[in-house]
Protein backbone atom coordinates (compact mmCIF):
# COMPACT_ATOMS: atom_id res chain seq x y z
CA MET A 1 -0.72 -2.05 -18.98
CA LYS A 2 0.78 -3.22 -22.41
CA VAL A 3 3.20 -5.56 -21.89
CA THR A 4 4.78 -7.01 -25.36
CA LEU A 5 7.90 -9.31 -25.45
CA ARG A 6 11.27 -8.38 -24.60
CA THR A 7 14.27 -9.28 -27.01
CA GLU A 8 16.50 -6.19 -27.00
CA PRO A 9 19.51 -5.91 -24.39
CA LEU A 10 18.52 -4.35 -21.45
CA ARG A 11 20.23 -0.59 -22.18
CA VAL A 12 18.27 -0.87 -25.83
CA VAL A 13 14.60 -0.72 -23.37
CA ARG A 14 15.23 1.64 -21.06
CA ALA A 15 17.03 4.04 -23.54
CA ALA A 16 13.20 3.57 -25.46
CA HIS A 17 11.65 4.27 -22.05
CA GLN A 18 10.65 0.79 -21.90
CA VAL A 19 10.76 -0.98 -17.99
CA PRO A 20 12.47 -4.86 -18.02
CA GLY A 21 10.13 -6.87 -16.43
CA VAL A 22 9.59 -10.75 -15.97
CA MET A 23 6.58 -13.21 -16.00
CA TYR A 24 5.91 -15.96 -14.24
CA GLY A 25 3.70 -18.86 -12.60
CA ARG A 26 3.22 -22.17 -11.34
CA SER A 27 2.05 -23.33 -14.60
CA ILE A 28 4.09 -21.45 -17.34
CA ASP A 29 7.88 -20.84 -17.81
CA SER A 30 9.31 -17.33 -17.16
CA ILE A 31 9.08 -14.73 -19.69
CA SER A 32 11.08 -11.43 -20.15
CA ILE A 33 8.23 -8.28 -21.34
CA GLN A 34 8.46 -4.44 -21.07
CA ALA A 35 6.42 -2.20 -20.59
CA ASP A 36 6.28 1.80 -20.73
CA ILE A 37 7.41 3.23 -17.34
CA ASN A 38 4.22 5.44 -17.53
CA ASP A 39 1.51 2.07 -17.80
CA VAL A 40 3.90 0.85 -15.31
CA LEU A 41 3.19 3.66 -12.41
CA THR A 42 -0.12 3.97 -13.96
CA ALA A 43 0.00 0.01 -13.27
CA LEU A 44 1.24 0.70 -9.73
CA LYS A 45 -1.15 3.74 -8.44
CA THR A 46 -4.18 1.05 -9.55
CA TYR A 47 -3.67 -1.88 -8.26
CA GLY A 48 -0.85 -1.76 -5.62
CA ARG A 49 0.96 -4.74 -5.07
CA SER A 50 -1.97 -6.67 -4.13
CA GLU A 51 -4.80 -7.45 -6.78
CA THR A 52 -4.68 -8.36 -9.59
CA PHE A 53 -5.24 -7.54 -12.84
CA LYS A 54 -5.38 -8.68 -16.83
CA ILE A 55 -2.89 -7.88 -19.27
CA ARG A 56 -2.57 -9.42 -22.35
CA LEU A 57 0.55 -10.74 -24.31
CA ASP A 58 0.99 -12.93 -27.92
CA ASP A 59 -2.90 -12.61 -27.66
CA LYS A 60 -4.04 -13.99 -24.92
CA TYR A 61 -4.85 -12.71 -21.29
CA HIS A 62 -2.75 -13.62 -17.91
CA HIS A 63 -4.30 -12.68 -14.87
CA VAL A 64 -0.88 -11.22 -12.63
CA TYR A 65 -0.12 -9.01 -9.75
CA PHE A 66 2.75 -7.26 -9.40
CA LYS A 67 5.15 -9.48 -6.93
CA ALA A 68 8.24 -7.32 -7.14
CA VAL A 69 9.28 -3.56 -8.42
CA GLN A 70 12.92 -2.80 -8.24
CA SER A 71 13.19 1.59 -8.07
CA ASN A 72 16.06 3.62 -8.15
CA VAL A 73 17.27 4.12 -4.75
CA LEU A 74 17.85 7.64 -5.53
CA LYS A 75 14.79 8.57 -7.55
CA PRO A 76 11.82 6.43 -6.49
CA ASN A 77 9.72 7.69 -8.65
CA GLU A 78 12.40 5.55 -11.43
CA ILE A 79 10.67 1.78 -11.65
CA ILE A 80 14.03 0.01 -13.38
CA HIS A 81 12.39 -3.89 -13.12
CA PHE A 82 9.39 -5.36 -12.71
CA ASP A 83 7.80 -9.08 -11.14
CA LEU A 84 4.60 -9.90 -12.31
CA HIS A 85 3.11 -13.26 -10.90
CA ARG A 86 0.24 -15.34 -13.06
CA VAL A 87 -2.59 -16.87 -11.46
CA THR A 88 -5.27 -18.82 -12.29
CA GLU A 89 -8.66 -18.41 -11.28
CA LYS A 90 -8.42 -21.20 -9.16
CA GLU A 91 -4.97 -20.54 -7.30
CA LEU A 92 -4.77 -18.62 -4.17
CA VAL A 93 -3.13 -15.68 -3.45
CA THR A 94 -1.04 -14.51 -0.19
CA GLY A 95 -0.39 -11.14 0.56
CA MET A 96 0.18 -8.26 2.50
CA ILE A 97 -2.87 -5.88 1.76
CA PRO A 98 -2.52 -1.97 3.07
CA ILE A 99 -5.21 -0.74 4.98
CA GLU A 100 -6.42 3.04 4.55
CA MET A 101 -8.45 5.52 6.55
CA ILE A 102 -10.92 7.68 5.44
CA GLY A 103 -12.72 10.14 7.06
CA GLN A 104 -10.49 11.65 9.40
CA GLU A 105 -10.52 15.47 8.48
CA VAL A 106 -14.52 15.74 10.29
CA PHE A 107 -12.20 15.54 13.63
CA TYR A 108 -9.88 18.73 12.18
CA ASP A 109 -12.14 21.75 14.18
CA LYS A 110 -12.11 18.81 16.93
CA LYS A 111 -9.71 17.72 20.00
CA MET A 112 -9.62 14.23 18.56
CA PHE A 113 -7.88 12.79 16.51
CA ALA A 114 -8.01 9.13 14.73
CA GLU A 115 -4.63 6.99 14.73
CA LEU A 116 -4.02 4.15 12.42
CA VAL A 117 -2.28 1.57 14.16
CA LYS A 118 -2.43 -1.19 12.02
CA TYR A 119 -0.75 -0.32 8.02
CA GLU A 120 -1.85 -3.63 6.36
CA ILE A 121 -3.01 -7.56 7.14
CA LEU A 122 -1.90 -10.62 5.89
CA ALA A 123 -4.38 -12.45 4.44
CA THR A 124 -5.15 -15.26 1.06
CA TYR A 125 -7.66 -14.73 -1.69
CA SER A 126 -9.11 -15.40 -5.20
CA PRO A 127 -6.77 -13.58 -7.43
CA VAL A 128 -10.04 -12.75 -9.48
CA HIS A 129 -11.48 -10.58 -6.52
CA GLY A 130 -7.48 -9.37 -5.40
CA TYR A 131 -8.06 -6.13 -3.32
CA ALA A 132 -5.58 -3.51 -3.79
CA LYS A 133 -6.27 -2.00 0.00
CA LEU A 134 -8.58 -2.25 2.51
CA VAL A 135 -10.66 0.93 3.21
CA VAL A 136 -11.78 2.10 7.13
CA ASP A 137 -13.87 4.88 7.62
CA VAL A 138 -13.80 6.85 10.71
CA SER A 139 -16.26 9.63 10.15
CA LYS A 140 -18.63 8.81 12.48
CA MET A 141 -16.74 7.33 15.10
CA ASP A 142 -16.50 9.18 18.77
CA LEU A 143 -13.56 9.39 21.16
CA HIS A 144 -12.10 6.82 22.39
CA ASP A 145 -13.97 4.30 19.62
CA GLU A 146 -12.45 2.19 17.80
CA LYS A 147 -12.83 -0.39 15.01
CA LYS A 148 -11.49 -4.47 15.09
CA LEU A 149 -10.27 -5.63 11.90
CA LYS A 150 -13.19 -7.69 12.11
CA ASP A 151 -15.30 -4.93 11.99
CA LEU A 152 -13.88 -4.21 8.39
CA ASN A 153 -15.16 -5.45 5.24
CA LEU A 154 -13.39 -8.93 5.24
CA GLU A 155 -15.54 -10.38 1.91
CA GLY A 156 -13.46 -12.83 -0.20
CA LEU A 157 -11.07 -12.72 2.32
CA GLU A 158 -8.95 -15.55 4.79
CA ILE A 159 -7.09 -13.52 7.34
CA LYS A 160 -4.33 -15.01 8.45
CA GLU A 161 -3.93 -12.50 11.33
CA ASP A 162 -5.98 -12.07 14.51
CA LEU A 163 -9.50 -10.76 13.85
CA ASN A 164 -9.60 -8.70 17.05
CA GLN A 165 -6.34 -6.91 17.00
CA THR A 166 -7.67 -3.06 17.03
CA ILE A 167 -7.03 -1.15 13.76
CA VAL A 168 -7.88 2.27 14.33
CA ILE A 169 -8.76 4.36 17.41
CA ILE A 170 -10.10 7.57 17.81
CA LYS A 171 -7.76 9.87 20.40
CA GLU A 172 -8.09 13.33 22.50
CA ALA A 173 -6.51 15.28 20.74
CA LYS A 174 -4.15 17.10 23.73
CA ALA A 175 -2.46 20.86 22.78
CA HIS A 176 1.53 21.56 24.31
CA GLU A 177 1.91 24.28 25.87
CA GLU A 178 5.00 26.66 25.85
CA PRO A 179 6.07 27.89 29.08
CA SER A 180 5.11 31.48 29.75
CA GLU A 181 8.00 34.16 29.70
CA THR A 182 7.78 34.72 33.03
CA GLU A 183 8.24 31.32 33.93
CA GLU A 184 11.53 31.33 31.61
CA VAL A 185 12.65 34.10 33.98
CA VAL A 186 11.88 32.47 37.30
CA THR A 187 13.39 29.28 36.06
CA GLU A 188 16.52 30.84 34.96
CA GLU A 189 16.75 33.08 37.49
CA SER A 190 15.74 30.13 40.34
CA LEU A 191 19.46 28.24 37.80
CA SER A 192 21.85 31.35 38.57
CA ASN A 193 20.46 31.54 42.73
CA GLU A 194 22.41 27.12 43.10
């Protein structure tokens, strides 16, 4: 993501399709910055809000992650401000990491489905090994199988939650049966006779 120092007023920045932001960290003062709206959206899609990435500002590289992102209430895809938190390689970051389920398409023609029970976890990790998400593959699971947090690849993470909690479980899909026309008629007749 290309970032530059912000020196113009907000209305000028936004008119140029730039998004105003701020970068801060433990060892630096807050710096007003700006970036192209498409660069911000691409970085958010690629790194999420927990994975660190490099930016270049004034010929220096910085490890950062999105600490906060403000969107237009009426247009959620319209970013109006962002905060980047700068970290050093020795710092540890604590944040919520989303969990993504893959492989559930194997159940589409079966009477089963995969239910994601937990959507994110709290963890501490090195900024160099930041995570955009944790992936759980359900393609080889069977009915009533479940995966716990400890079954996922947690390398480089210090989990701040119970490792024995269930993340995903395979359940039986039960079809909802509609009442037949005769059942409806009987029901209506019995109601009218009461």
